[in-house]
Amino acid sequence: MAKRCIALYSGGLDSILAIRMMQEQSFEVIPLYFCTPFFGYDVLVNTKAHKEFHERAYGIRMHPVDFTDDIIDVVRDPRHGFGKHLNPCIDCKIRMLRKAGSMMEQLDASFVVTGEVLGQRPMSQRRDAMNLIERESGLKDLLLRPLCARHLPPTRPERTGLVDRERLGDMAGRGRKAQMELAAKYGVTPETMPTPAGGCLLADEQISRKVGLTFERFRPGVPSRADILLDILGRKFMIDEKTVLIVSRNEEENRMLSSMVFPGNIFLRIADVPGPLCVMRGDASEKNLRTAAAVCLRYSKGRGMDGRMAIYGPDPSALTGTVEASAVSEEYCRRFQIDLNK
């Protein structure tokens, strides 16, 4: 068997430690970094910078994998249900592992590694859930969890001697002391220690509500990635039952929105006035464009200035259309807004 394995890599400390533990046993590790609008999206937008950082900081050459279509399919109908909000943790992990397993032959890898720790997460890292995930992933006997391996039955790589089980971990529970000690051993310094990730946005109450409404709007079909991407940032307005308007809240959201150039998206901003970049998707009627322009004006430095003009187009660099933006009240905007605490 090849001294090569695939790892699910999140950029978090546990997955870093799992990879380093396998490298310590002379394995070539292929780290797959799964990206969706709900986690890891910026890696898809700024791939080169992220790859350079992870290699420089941790010696890990990650391989981004666009998982967007998969997560949309999983959220539509998760066999094992949701967590507290719209997070289908168990089905998501199963789908990732299936995808990794499907790449084993192509990459000449012998097994798949994760950074899971028994008992650390309440939904997906209980013993029964971990057994279920292993079984339904199709990787039974080929799924190695190095950090907690000695609490689990030996896998085939361990039984055959390919992996030295005695050099694997026995971590369990939610404490972090063992991880911190291992991080120090592997040279992960306080300066390079990954900050705790924000986690999956599907576990966020407001975003999960917006995503849920988007899925309901498209049933019995499914939303496209362009529709889903508009749920992860900004203020969201429903101008009519088919038309969405997203208004950015800061420069970072302006930057992210500007990358979302998809057929059907219309970008707007108020001409000659500092303010948000907006995206409208749906029915681009004159009435809807005027409504969108009015809302856009309300959140710009030109609020209250009647008779301003909004410019719009299919790309932030091609805003050639114009429409009048009327001054409107906050109450007017709130008639359309579905995330009222933003």
C-alpha atoms as a PDB file:
ATOM      1  CA  MET A   1       0.000   0.000   0.000  1.00  0.00           C
ATOM      2  CA  ALA A   2       1.165   3.545  -0.760  1.00  0.00           C
ATOM      3  CA  LYS A   3       2.419   5.744   2.044  1.00  0.00           C
ATOM      4  CA  ARG A   4      -0.103   8.345   0.964  1.00  0.00           C
ATOM      5  CA  CYS A   5      -3.429   9.387   2.477  1.00  0.00           C
ATOM      6  CA  ILE A   6      -6.131  11.994   1.962  1.00  0.00           C
ATOM      7  CA  ALA A   7      -7.092  14.353   4.794  1.00  0.00           C
ATOM      8  CA  LEU A   8     -10.159  16.513   5.280  1.00  0.00           C
ATOM      9  CA  TYR A   9      -8.579  19.865   6.076  1.00  0.00           C
ATOM     10  CA  SER A  10     -10.524  22.770   7.583  1.00  0.00           C
ATOM     11  CA  GLY A  11      -7.579  24.997   8.462  1.00  0.00           C
ATOM     12  CA  GLY A  12      -8.386  24.516  12.144  1.00  0.00           C
ATOM     13  CA  LEU A  13      -5.959  23.228  14.738  1.00  0.00           C
ATOM     14  CA  ASP A  14      -7.359  19.694  14.954  1.00  0.00           C
ATOM     15  CA  SER A  15      -7.016  19.028  11.236  1.00  0.00           C
ATOM     16  CA  ILE A  16      -3.511  20.545  11.263  1.00  0.00           C
ATOM     17  CA  LEU A  17      -2.511  18.193  14.092  1.00  0.00           C
ATOM     18  CA  ALA A  18      -4.043  15.153  12.371  1.00  0.00           C
ATOM     19  CA  ILE A  19      -2.062  15.902   9.216  1.00  0.00           C
ATOM     20  CA  ARG A  20       1.179  16.506  11.111  1.00  0.00           C
ATOM     21  CA  MET A  21       0.677  13.259  13.026  1.00  0.00           C
ATOM     22  CA  MET A  22       0.482  11.339   9.740  1.00  0.00           C
ATOM     23  CA  GLN A  23       3.441  13.229   8.283  1.00  0.00           C
ATOM     24  CA  GLU A  24       5.386  12.189  11.376  1.00  0.00           C
ATOM     25  CA  GLN A  25       4.783   8.586  10.285  1.00  0.00           C
ATOM     26  CA  SER A  26       6.273   9.428   6.850  1.00  0.00           C
ATOM     27  CA  PHE A  27       2.979   9.697   4.981  1.00  0.00           C
ATOM     28  CA  GLU A  28       2.451  12.024   2.075  1.00  0.00           C
ATOM     29  CA  VAL A  29      -0.813  13.736   3.015  1.00  0.00           C
ATOM     30  CA  ILE A  30      -3.153  15.282   0.447  1.00  0.00           C
ATOM     31  CA  PRO A  31      -5.257  17.864   2.343  1.00  0.00           C
ATOM     32  CA  LEU A  32      -8.653  18.533   0.752  1.00  0.00           C
ATOM     33  CA  TYR A  33     -10.161  21.873   1.771  1.00  0.00           C
ATOM     34  CA  PHE A  34     -13.905  21.793   1.081  1.00  0.00           C
ATOM     35  CA  CYS A  35     -15.382  25.198   0.222  1.00  0.00           C
ATOM     36  CA  THR A  36     -19.011  26.339   0.109  1.00  0.00           C
ATOM     37  CA  PRO A  37     -20.800  29.659   0.585  1.00  0.00           C
ATOM     38  CA  PHE A  38     -21.269  28.595   4.221  1.00  0.00           C
ATOM     39  CA  PHE A  39     -17.666  27.739   5.076  1.00  0.00           C
ATOM     40  CA  GLY A  40     -14.374  28.372   3.332  1.00  0.00           C
ATOM     41  CA  TYR A  41     -15.897  30.594   0.655  1.00  0.00           C
ATOM     42  CA  ASP A  42     -13.070  33.133   0.723  1.00  0.00           C
ATOM     43  CA  VAL A  43     -10.666  30.335  -0.220  1.00  0.00           C
ATOM     44  CA  LEU A  44     -12.531  30.039  -3.531  1.00  0.00           C
ATOM     45  CA  VAL A  45     -12.323  33.802  -4.053  1.00  0.00           C
ATOM     46  CA  ASN A  46      -8.675  34.244  -2.970  1.00  0.00           C
ATOM     47  CA  THR A  47      -7.248  30.773  -3.584  1.00  0.00           C
ATOM     48  CA  LYS A  48      -3.623  31.737  -4.232  1.00  0.00           C
ATOM     49  CA  ALA A  49      -3.270  33.836  -1.066  1.00  0.00           C
ATOM     50  CA  HIS A  50      -4.810  31.153   1.138  1.00  0.00           C
ATOM     51  CA  LYS A  51      -2.686  28.357  -0.315  1.00  0.00           C
ATOM     52  CA  GLU A  52       0.475  30.397   0.217  1.00  0.00           C
ATOM     53  CA  PHE A  53      -0.485  31.203   3.815  1.00  0.00           C
ATOM     54  CA  HIS A  54      -1.243  27.604   4.838  1.00  0.00           C
ATOM     55  CA  GLU A  55       1.968  26.326   3.280  1.00  0.00           C
ATOM     56  CA  ARG A  56       4.034  29.064   4.916  1.00  0.00           C
ATOM     57  CA  ALA A  57       2.394  28.813   8.359  1.00  0.00           C
ATOM     58  CA  TYR A  58       1.828  25.055   8.668  1.00  0.00           C
ATOM     59  CA  GLY A  59       3.724  23.365   5.844  1.00  0.00           C
ATOM     60  CA  ILE A  60       0.414  22.173   4.407  1.00  0.00           C
ATOM     61  CA  ARG A  61      -0.260  22.312   0.664  1.00  0.00           C
ATOM     62  CA  MET A  62      -4.029  22.361   0.663  1.00  0.00           C
ATOM     63  CA  HIS A  63      -6.209  21.463  -2.305  1.00  0.00           C
ATOM     64  CA  PRO A  64      -9.448  23.510  -2.405  1.00  0.00           C
ATOM     65  CA  VAL A  65     -12.539  21.543  -3.462  1.00  0.00           C
ATOM     66  CA  ASP A  66     -15.683  23.415  -4.517  1.00  0.00           C
ATOM     67  CA  PHE A  67     -18.397  21.680  -2.505  1.00  0.00           C
ATOM     68  CA  THR A  68     -21.216  24.140  -3.266  1.00  0.00           C
ATOM     69  CA  ASP A  69     -23.429  21.914  -5.412  1.00  0.00           C
ATOM     70  CA  ASP A  70     -23.050  19.105  -2.885  1.00  0.00           C
ATOM     71  CA  ILE A  71     -24.082  21.230   0.097  1.00  0.00           C
ATOM     72  CA  ILE A  72     -27.115  22.571  -1.768  1.00  0.00           C
ATOM     73  CA  ASP A  73     -28.192  18.999  -2.449  1.00  0.00           C
ATOM     74  CA  VAL A  74     -27.586  18.017   1.188  1.00  0.00           C
ATOM     75  CA  VAL A  75     -29.540  20.962   2.640  1.00  0.00           C
ATOM     76  CA  ARG A  76     -32.484  20.235   0.352  1.00  0.00           C
ATOM     77  CA  ASP A  77     -33.210  16.927   2.091  1.00  0.00           C
ATOM     78  CA  PRO A  78     -30.736  15.725   4.738  1.00  0.00           C
ATOM     79  CA  ARG A  79     -31.369  12.108   5.624  1.00  0.00           C
ATOM     80  CA  HIS A  80     -30.186  12.616   9.197  1.00  0.00           C
ATOM     81  CA  GLY A  81     -31.816  15.974   9.784  1.00  0.00           C
ATOM     82  CA  PHE A  82     -30.530  19.323  10.949  1.00  0.00           C
ATOM     83  CA  GLY A  83     -28.785  20.642  14.026  1.00  0.00           C
ATOM     84  CA  LYS A  84     -30.205  23.596  15.928  1.00  0.00           C
ATOM     85  CA  HIS A  85     -30.767  25.588  12.751  1.00  0.00           C
ATOM     86  CA  LEU A  86     -30.188  24.551   9.113  1.00  0.00           C
ATOM     87  CA  ASN A  87     -26.873  22.770   9.676  1.00  0.00           C
ATOM     88  CA  PRO A  88     -26.981  19.182   8.307  1.00  0.00           C
ATOM     89  CA  CYS A  89     -23.712  18.237  10.039  1.00  0.00           C
ATOM     90  CA  ILE A  90     -23.913  14.455   9.766  1.00  0.00           C
ATOM     91  CA  ASP A  91     -25.022  14.355   6.127  1.00  0.00           C
ATOM     92  CA  CYS A  92     -22.454  17.003   5.223  1.00  0.00           C
ATOM     93  CA  LYS A  93     -19.589  15.017   6.753  1.00  0.00           C
ATOM     94  CA  ILE A  94     -20.805  11.829   5.033  1.00  0.00           C
ATOM     95  CA  ARG A  95     -20.877  13.602   1.658  1.00  0.00           C
ATOM     96  CA  MET A  96     -17.371  15.038   2.158  1.00  0.00           C
ATOM     97  CA  LEU A  97     -15.984  11.636   3.050  1.00  0.00           C
ATOM     98  CA  ARG A  98     -17.685  10.014   0.065  1.00  0.00           C
ATOM     99  CA  LYS A  99     -16.112  12.639  -2.171  1.00  0.00           C
ATOM    100  CA  ALA A 100     -12.702  12.070  -0.601  1.00  0.00           C
ATOM    101  CA  GLY A 101     -13.148   8.307  -0.938  1.00  0.00           C
ATOM    102  CA  SER A 102     -14.007   8.665  -4.614  1.00  0.00           C
ATOM    103  CA  MET A 103     -10.611  10.334  -5.139  1.00  0.00           C
ATOM    104  CA  MET A 104      -8.510   7.671  -3.418  1.00  0.00           C
ATOM    105  CA  GLU A 105      -7.775   5.585  -6.509  1.00  0.00           C
ATOM    106  CA  GLN A 106      -7.005   8.631  -8.651  1.00  0.00           C
ATOM    107  CA  LEU A 107      -4.605   9.985  -6.009  1.00  0.00           C
ATOM    108  CA  ASP A 108      -3.154   6.562  -5.118  1.00  0.00           C
ATOM    109  CA  ALA A 109      -4.139   7.083  -1.472  1.00  0.00           C
ATOM    110  CA  SER A 110      -4.602   4.230   1.001  1.00  0.00           C
ATOM    111  CA  PHE A 111      -7.065   5.777   3.448  1.00  0.00           C
ATOM    112  CA  VAL A 112      -8.742   9.006   4.591  1.00  0.00           C
ATOM    113  CA  VAL A 113      -7.906  11.041   7.701  1.00  0.00           C
ATOM    114  CA  THR A 114      -9.963  13.574   9.668  1.00  0.00           C
ATOM    115  CA  GLY A 115      -9.229  15.746  12.693  1.00  0.00           C
ATOM    116  CA  GLU A 116     -12.316  14.600  14.586  1.00  0.00           C
ATOM    117  CA  VAL A 117     -12.132  14.117  18.350  1.00  0.00           C
ATOM    118  CA  LEU A 118     -14.545  11.758  20.080  1.00  0.00           C
ATOM    119  CA  GLY A 119     -17.088  13.716  22.120  1.00  0.00           C
ATOM    120  CA  GLN A 120     -15.941  17.162  21.033  1.00  0.00           C
ATOM    121  CA  ARG A 121     -19.022  18.156  19.014  1.00  0.00           C
ATOM    122  CA  PRO A 122     -22.527  17.331  20.235  1.00  0.00           C
ATOM    123  CA  MET A 123     -24.037  16.352  16.876  1.00  0.00           C
ATOM    124  CA  SER A 124     -21.397  14.793  14.647  1.00  0.00           C
ATOM    125  CA  GLN A 125     -18.707  13.593  17.083  1.00  0.00           C
ATOM    126  CA  ARG A 126     -20.693  11.372  19.419  1.00  0.00           C
ATOM    127  CA  ARG A 127     -19.566   7.760  19.197  1.00  0.00           C
ATOM    128  CA  ASP A 128     -22.825   6.614  17.580  1.00  0.00           C
ATOM    129  CA  ALA A 129     -22.708   9.472  15.060  1.00  0.00           C
ATOM    130  CA  MET A 130     -19.066   8.772  14.208  1.00  0.00           C
ATOM    131  CA  ASN A 131     -19.883   5.103  13.627  1.00  0.00           C
ATOM    132  CA  LEU A 132     -22.820   6.094  11.417  1.00  0.00           C
ATOM    133  CA  ILE A 133     -20.685   8.524   9.414  1.00  0.00           C
ATOM    134  CA  GLU A 134     -18.001   5.898   8.868  1.00  0.00           C
ATOM    135  CA  ARG A 135     -20.539   3.301   7.757  1.00  0.00           C
ATOM    136  CA  GLU A 136     -22.505   5.532   5.365  1.00  0.00           C
ATOM    137  CA  SER A 137     -19.427   7.201   3.892  1.00  0.00           C
ATOM    138  CA  GLY A 138     -18.392   3.906   2.315  1.00  0.00           C
ATOM    139  CA  LEU A 139     -15.015   4.209   4.053  1.00  0.00           C
ATOM    140  CA  LYS A 140     -15.539   1.634   6.776  1.00  0.00           C
ATOM    141  CA  ASP A 141     -12.125   0.387   7.900  1.00  0.00           C
ATOM    142  CA  LEU A 142     -10.395   3.087   5.809  1.00  0.00           C
ATOM    143  CA  LEU A 143     -11.374   6.151   7.865  1.00  0.00           C
ATOM    144  CA  LEU A 144      -8.678   7.054  10.386  1.00  0.00           C
ATOM    145  CA  ARG A 145      -9.172   9.660  13.120  1.00  0.00           C
ATOM    146  CA  PRO A 146      -5.596  10.027  14.416  1.00  0.00           C
ATOM    147  CA  LEU A 147      -6.325  12.344  17.350  1.00  0.00           C
ATOM    148  CA  CYS A 148      -8.699   9.906  19.063  1.00  0.00           C
ATOM    149  CA  ALA A 149      -7.782   6.637  17.305  1.00  0.00           C
ATOM    150  CA  ARG A 150      -6.961   4.697  20.469  1.00  0.00           C
ATOM    151  CA  HIS A 151     -10.539   5.170  21.688  1.00  0.00           C
ATOM    152  CA  LEU A 152     -11.820   3.543  18.482  1.00  0.00           C
ATOM    153  CA  PRO A 153     -11.482   0.068  16.927  1.00  0.00           C
ATOM    154  CA  PRO A 154      -8.292  -0.348  14.851  1.00  0.00           C
ATOM    155  CA  THR A 155      -8.714   0.444  11.166  1.00  0.00           C
ATOM    156  CA  ARG A 156      -7.222  -1.639   8.356  1.00  0.00           C
ATOM    157  CA  PRO A 157      -4.133   0.627   8.017  1.00  0.00           C
ATOM    158  CA  GLU A 158      -3.462   0.075  11.731  1.00  0.00           C
ATOM    159  CA  ARG A 159      -4.078  -3.679  11.686  1.00  0.00           C
ATOM    160  CA  THR A 160      -1.787  -4.199   8.697  1.00  0.00           C
ATOM    161  CA  GLY A 161       0.998  -2.149  10.272  1.00  0.00           C
ATOM    162  CA  LEU A 162       0.895   0.606   7.672  1.00  0.00           C
ATOM    163  CA  VAL A 163       0.084   2.993  10.526  1.00  0.00           C
ATOM    164  CA  ASP A 164       1.614   2.627  13.993  1.00  0.00           C
ATOM    165  CA  ARG A 165      -1.409   2.740  16.299  1.00  0.00           C
ATOM    166  CA  GLU A 166       0.751   3.337  19.367  1.00  0.00           C
ATOM    167  CA  ARG A 167       1.830   6.691  17.922  1.00  0.00           C
ATOM    168  CA  LEU A 168      -1.769   7.863  17.463  1.00  0.00           C
ATOM    169  CA  GLY A 169      -3.758   9.920  19.962  1.00  0.00           C
ATOM    170  CA  ASP A 170      -6.266   9.161  22.690  1.00  0.00           C
ATOM    171  CA  MET A 171      -7.996  12.546  22.891  1.00  0.00           C
ATOM    172  CA  ALA A 172     -11.651  12.737  23.920  1.00  0.00           C
ATOM    173  CA  GLY A 173     -14.121  15.344  25.092  1.00  0.00           C
ATOM    174  CA  ARG A 174     -14.167  19.099  24.754  1.00  0.00           C
ATOM    175  CA  GLY A 175     -10.960  19.964  26.626  1.00  0.00           C
ATOM    176  CA  ARG A 176      -8.109  21.448  24.591  1.00  0.00           C
ATOM    177  CA  LYS A 177      -5.062  20.765  26.781  1.00  0.00           C
ATOM    178  CA  ALA A 178      -3.879  17.753  24.759  1.00  0.00           C
ATOM    179  CA  GLN A 179      -4.237  19.680  21.500  1.00  0.00           C
ATOM    180  CA  MET A 180      -2.216  22.594  22.873  1.00  0.00           C
ATOM    181  CA  GLU A 181       0.583  20.269  23.973  1.00  0.00           C
ATOM    182  CA  LEU A 182       0.668  18.571  20.570  1.00  0.00           C
ATOM    183  CA  ALA A 183       0.624  21.939  18.811  1.00  0.00           C
ATOM    184  CA  ALA A 184       3.711  22.984  20.773  1.00  0.00           C
ATOM    185  CA  LYS A 185       5.428  19.717  19.842  1.00  0.00           C
ATOM    186  CA  TYR A 186       4.777  20.319  16.139  1.00  0.00           C
ATOM    187  CA  GLY A 187       5.944  23.922  16.261  1.00  0.00           C
ATOM    188  CA  VAL A 188       2.568  25.612  15.942  1.00  0.00           C
ATOM    189  CA  THR A 189       3.409  28.837  17.756  1.00  0.00           C
ATOM    190  CA  PRO A 190       1.038  31.380  19.319  1.00  0.00           C
ATOM    191  CA  GLU A 191       1.747  33.577  16.289  1.00  0.00           C
ATOM    192  CA  THR A 192       0.651  30.887  13.817  1.00  0.00           C
ATOM    193  CA  MET A 193      -2.065  29.301  15.972  1.00  0.00           C
ATOM    194  CA  PRO A 194      -5.259  29.333  13.881  1.00  0.00           C
ATOM    195  CA  THR A 195      -7.982  31.459  15.405  1.00  0.00           C
ATOM    196  CA  PRO A 196     -11.188  29.579  16.233  1.00  0.00           C
ATOM    197  CA  ALA A 197     -13.183  29.405  13.024  1.00  0.00           C
ATOM    198  CA  GLY A 198     -16.562  31.078  12.725  1.00  0.00           C
ATOM    199  CA  GLY A 199     -17.941  27.685  11.849  1.00  0.00           C
ATOM    200  CA  CYS A 200     -20.649  26.868   9.343  1.00  0.00           C
ATOM    201  CA  LEU A 201     -22.989  29.756   8.546  1.00  0.00           C
ATOM    202  CA  LEU A 202     -25.884  27.291   8.392  1.00  0.00           C
ATOM    203  CA  ALA A 203     -25.644  27.187  12.192  1.00  0.00           C
ATOM    204  CA  ASP A 204     -26.251  30.952  12.326  1.00  0.00           C
ATOM    205  CA  GLU A 205     -29.867  31.821  13.160  1.00  0.00           C
ATOM    206  CA  GLN A 206     -30.270  34.731  10.741  1.00  0.00           C
ATOM    207  CA  ILE A 207     -28.445  33.204   7.793  1.00  0.00           C
ATOM    208  CA  SER A 208     -30.153  29.833   8.196  1.00  0.00           C
ATOM    209  CA  ARG A 209     -33.512  31.620   8.145  1.00  0.00           C
ATOM    210  CA  LYS A 210     -32.624  33.396   4.903  1.00  0.00           C
ATOM    211  CA  VAL A 211     -31.328  30.196   3.319  1.00  0.00           C
ATOM    212  CA  GLY A 212     -34.439  28.305   4.437  1.00  0.00           C
ATOM    213  CA  LEU A 213     -36.703  30.886   2.811  1.00  0.00           C
ATOM    214  CA  THR A 214     -34.667  30.670  -0.389  1.00  0.00           C
ATOM    215  CA  PHE A 215     -35.083  26.891  -0.513  1.00  0.00           C
ATOM    216  CA  GLU A 216     -38.838  27.236   0.099  1.00  0.00           C
ATOM    217  CA  ARG A 217     -39.098  29.796  -2.698  1.00  0.00           C
ATOM    218  CA  PHE A 218     -37.580  27.374  -5.213  1.00  0.00           C
ATOM    219  CA  ARG A 219     -39.350  24.158  -4.191  1.00  0.00           C
ATOM    220  CA  PRO A 220     -39.842  21.611  -5.690  1.00  0.00           C
ATOM    221  CA  GLY A 221     -36.591  22.596  -7.410  1.00  0.00           C
ATOM    222  CA  VAL A 222     -33.424  23.872  -5.761  1.00  0.00           C
ATOM    223  CA  PRO A 223     -31.769  27.296  -5.743  1.00  0.00           C
ATOM    224  CA  SER A 224     -28.625  27.895  -7.760  1.00  0.00           C
ATOM    225  CA  ARG A 225     -25.303  28.812  -6.203  1.00  0.00           C
ATOM    226  CA  ALA A 226     -25.952  32.401  -7.329  1.00  0.00           C
ATOM    227  CA  ASP A 227     -29.155  32.472  -5.267  1.00  0.00           C
ATOM    228  CA  ILE A 228     -27.502  30.910  -2.220  1.00  0.00           C
ATOM    229  CA  LEU A 229     -24.506  33.249  -2.294  1.00  0.00           C
ATOM    230  CA  LEU A 230     -26.847  36.201  -1.824  1.00  0.00           C
ATOM    231  CA  ASP A 231     -27.937  34.784   1.539  1.00  0.00           C
ATOM    232  CA  ILE A 232     -24.548  34.894   3.232  1.00  0.00           C
ATOM    233  CA  LEU A 233     -23.929  38.624   3.513  1.00  0.00           C
ATOM    234  CA  GLY A 234     -25.528  42.027   3.608  1.00  0.00           C
ATOM    235  CA  ARG A 235     -29.085  43.088   4.316  1.00  0.00           C
ATOM    236  CA  LYS A 236     -31.680  41.073   2.404  1.00  0.00           C
ATOM    237  CA  PHE A 237     -34.866  42.517   0.937  1.00  0.00           C
ATOM    238  CA  MET A 238     -37.657  40.774  -1.001  1.00  0.00           C
ATOM    239  CA  ILE A 239     -38.934  43.366  -3.462  1.00  0.00           C
ATOM    240  CA  ASP A 240     -41.567  40.931  -4.677  1.00  0.00           C
ATOM    241  CA  GLU A 241     -42.043  37.173  -4.364  1.00  0.00           C
ATOM    242  CA  LYS A 242     -39.410  36.502  -7.031  1.00  0.00           C
ATOM    243  CA  THR A 243     -36.981  39.388  -6.631  1.00  0.00           C
ATOM    244  CA  VAL A 244     -34.200  39.680  -4.057  1.00  0.00           C
ATOM    245  CA  LEU A 245     -32.108  42.737  -3.213  1.00  0.00           C
ATOM    246  CA  ILE A 246     -28.888  42.521  -1.198  1.00  0.00           C
ATOM    247  CA  VAL A 247     -27.371  45.701   0.271  1.00  0.00           C
ATOM    248  CA  SER A 248     -23.788  45.486   1.510  1.00  0.00           C
ATOM    249  CA  ARG A 249     -22.943  46.826   4.979  1.00  0.00           C
ATOM    250  CA  ASN A 250     -19.214  47.555   4.699  1.00  0.00           C
ATOM    251  CA  GLU A 251     -16.209  47.558   2.373  1.00  0.00           C
ATOM    252  CA  GLU A 252     -15.519  43.853   2.891  1.00  0.00           C
ATOM    253  CA  GLU A 253     -19.069  42.987   1.808  1.00  0.00           C
ATOM    254  CA  ASN A 254     -18.702  45.353  -1.147  1.00  0.00           C
ATOM    255  CA  ARG A 255     -15.637  43.348  -2.169  1.00  0.00           C
ATOM    256  CA  MET A 256     -17.397  40.006  -1.773  1.00  0.00           C
ATOM    257  CA  LEU A 257     -20.527  41.137  -3.610  1.00  0.00           C
ATOM    258  CA  SER A 258     -18.458  42.482  -6.494  1.00  0.00           C
ATOM    259  CA  SER A 259     -17.148  38.944  -7.109  1.00  0.00           C
ATOM    260  CA  MET A 260     -20.662  37.513  -7.495  1.00  0.00           C
ATOM    261  CA  VAL A 261     -21.034  38.107 -11.222  1.00  0.00           C
ATOM    262  CA  PHE A 262     -23.615  35.548 -12.359  1.00  0.00           C
ATOM    263  CA  PRO A 263     -26.225  35.608 -15.130  1.00  0.00           C
ATOM    264  CA  GLY A 264     -29.333  37.274 -13.711  1.00  0.00           C
ATOM    265  CA  ASN A 265     -27.538  39.431 -11.128  1.00  0.00           C
ATOM    266  CA  ILE A 266     -27.899  43.199 -11.495  1.00  0.00           C
ATOM    267  CA  PHE A 267     -25.490  45.434  -9.584  1.00  0.00           C
ATOM    268  CA  LEU A 268     -26.557  48.887  -8.389  1.00  0.00           C
ATOM    269  CA  ARG A 269     -25.038  51.812  -6.538  1.00  0.00           C
ATOM    270  CA  ILE A 270     -25.831  55.475  -6.149  1.00  0.00           C
ATOM    271  CA  ALA A 271     -23.884  57.655  -8.574  1.00  0.00           C
ATOM    272  CA  ASP A 272     -21.414  60.170  -7.119  1.00  0.00           C
ATOM    273  CA  VAL A 273     -22.262  59.334  -3.490  1.00  0.00           C
ATOM    274  CA  PRO A 274     -20.370  56.955  -1.169  1.00  0.00           C
ATOM    275  CA  GLY A 275     -22.510  53.998  -0.275  1.00  0.00           C
ATOM    276  CA  PRO A 276     -23.182  50.301  -0.601  1.00  0.00           C
ATOM    277  CA  LEU A 277     -22.939  48.056  -3.591  1.00  0.00           C
ATOM    278  CA  CYS A 278     -26.263  46.297  -4.110  1.00  0.00           C
ATOM    279  CA  VAL A 279     -27.275  43.217  -6.081  1.00  0.00           C
ATOM    280  CA  MET A 280     -30.781  42.592  -7.372  1.00  0.00           C
ATOM    281  CA  ARG A 281     -31.786  39.177  -8.689  1.00  0.00           C
ATOM    282  CA  GLY A 282     -35.176  38.289 -10.156  1.00  0.00           C
ATOM    283  CA  ASP A 283     -37.598  40.478 -12.120  1.00  0.00           C
ATOM    284  CA  ALA A 284     -35.661  43.489 -13.416  1.00  0.00           C
ATOM    285  CA  SER A 285     -38.767  45.559 -14.143  1.00  0.00           C
ATOM    286  CA  GLU A 286     -38.659  49.359 -14.050  1.00  0.00           C
ATOM    287  CA  LYS A 287     -40.744  49.287 -10.866  1.00  0.00           C
ATOM    288  CA  ASN A 288     -38.359  46.893  -9.130  1.00  0.00           C
ATOM    289  CA  LEU A 289     -35.305  48.844 -10.262  1.00  0.00           C
ATOM    290  CA  ARG A 290     -36.806  52.020  -8.778  1.00  0.00           C
ATOM    291  CA  THR A 291     -37.541  50.248  -5.501  1.00  0.00           C
ATOM    292  CA  ALA A 292     -34.022  48.826  -5.393  1.00  0.00           C
ATOM    293  CA  ALA A 293     -32.545  52.252  -6.131  1.00  0.00           C
ATOM    294  CA  ALA A 294     -34.591  53.843  -3.333  1.00  0.00           C
ATOM    295  CA  VAL A 295     -33.423  51.253  -0.804  1.00  0.00           C
ATOM    296  CA  CYS A 296     -29.835  51.617  -2.014  1.00  0.00           C
ATOM    297  CA  LEU A 297     -30.061  55.400  -1.546  1.00  0.00           C
ATOM    298  CA  ARG A 298     -31.403  54.983   1.988  1.00  0.00           C
ATOM    299  CA  TYR A 299     -28.225  53.147   3.042  1.00  0.00           C
ATOM    300  CA  SER A 300     -25.848  55.539   1.253  1.00  0.00           C
ATOM    301  CA  LYS A 301     -24.376  58.888   2.288  1.00  0.00           C
ATOM    302  CA  GLY A 302     -27.074  60.437   0.104  1.00  0.00           C
ATOM    303  CA  ARG A 303     -29.995  59.337   2.256  1.00  0.00           C
ATOM    304  CA  GLY A 304     -32.760  61.924   2.289  1.00  0.00           C
ATOM    305  CA  MET A 305     -31.514  63.537  -0.954  1.00  0.00           C
ATOM    306  CA  ASP A 306     -34.340  63.253  -3.449  1.00  0.00           C
ATOM    307  CA  GLY A 307     -33.655  62.998  -7.157  1.00  0.00           C
ATOM    308  CA  ARG A 308     -30.348  61.147  -6.962  1.00  0.00           C
ATOM    309  CA  MET A 309     -29.536  58.640  -9.699  1.00  0.00           C
ATOM    310  CA  ALA A 310     -28.590  54.995  -9.320  1.00  0.00           C
ATOM    311  CA  ILE A 311     -26.416  53.299 -11.895  1.00  0.00           C
ATOM    312  CA  TYR A 312     -26.831  49.602 -12.629  1.00  0.00           C
ATOM    313  CA  GLY A 313     -25.614  46.792 -14.849  1.00  0.00           C
ATOM    314  CA  PRO A 314     -24.661  43.096 -15.012  1.00  0.00           C
ATOM    315  CA  ASP A 315     -21.157  43.690 -13.629  1.00  0.00           C
ATOM    316  CA  PRO A 316     -19.788  46.174 -11.062  1.00  0.00           C
ATOM    317  CA  SER A 317     -17.425  47.454 -13.750  1.00  0.00           C
ATOM    318  CA  ALA A 318     -20.229  47.912 -16.302  1.00  0.00           C
ATOM    319  CA  LEU A 319     -22.904  50.029 -14.603  1.00  0.00           C
ATOM    320  CA  THR A 320     -24.276  51.737 -17.708  1.00  0.00           C
ATOM    321  CA  GLY A 321     -27.993  51.907 -16.886  1.00  0.00           C
ATOM    322  CA  THR A 322     -29.546  54.706 -14.835  1.00  0.00           C
ATOM    323  CA  VAL A 323     -32.693  54.936 -12.733  1.00  0.00           C
ATOM    324  CA  GLU A 324     -33.932  57.630 -10.380  1.00  0.00           C
ATOM    325  CA  ALA A 325     -33.525  56.892  -6.677  1.00  0.00           C
ATOM    326  CA  SER A 326     -36.245  58.456  -4.548  1.00  0.00           C
ATOM    327  CA  ALA A 327     -35.647  59.364  -0.912  1.00  0.00           C
ATOM    328  CA  VAL A 328     -37.543  56.926   1.317  1.00  0.00           C
ATOM    329  CA  SER A 329     -37.883  56.305   5.043  1.00  0.00           C
ATOM    330  CA  GLU A 330     -36.442  53.500   7.139  1.00  0.00           C
ATOM    331  CA  GLU A 331     -40.006  52.236   7.609  1.00  0.00           C
ATOM    332  CA  TYR A 332     -40.404  51.952   3.830  1.00  0.00           C
ATOM    333  CA  CYS A 333     -37.287  49.784   3.589  1.00  0.00           C
ATOM    334  CA  ARG A 334     -38.350  47.582   6.487  1.00  0.00           C
ATOM    335  CA  ARG A 335     -41.477  46.593   4.554  1.00  0.00           C
ATOM    336  CA  PHE A 336     -39.206  44.563   2.288  1.00  0.00           C
ATOM    337  CA  GLN A 337     -36.431  43.503   4.668  1.00  0.00           C
ATOM    338  CA  ILE A 338     -36.432  39.935   5.987  1.00  0.00           C
ATOM    339  CA  ASP A 339     -33.458  40.168   8.377  1.00  0.00           C
ATOM    340  CA  LEU A 340     -34.671  43.036  10.510  1.00  0.00           C
ATOM    341  CA  ASN A 341     -31.889  42.995  13.085  1.00  0.00           C
ATOM    342  CA  LYS A 342     -29.228  43.958  10.509  1.00  0.00           C
END
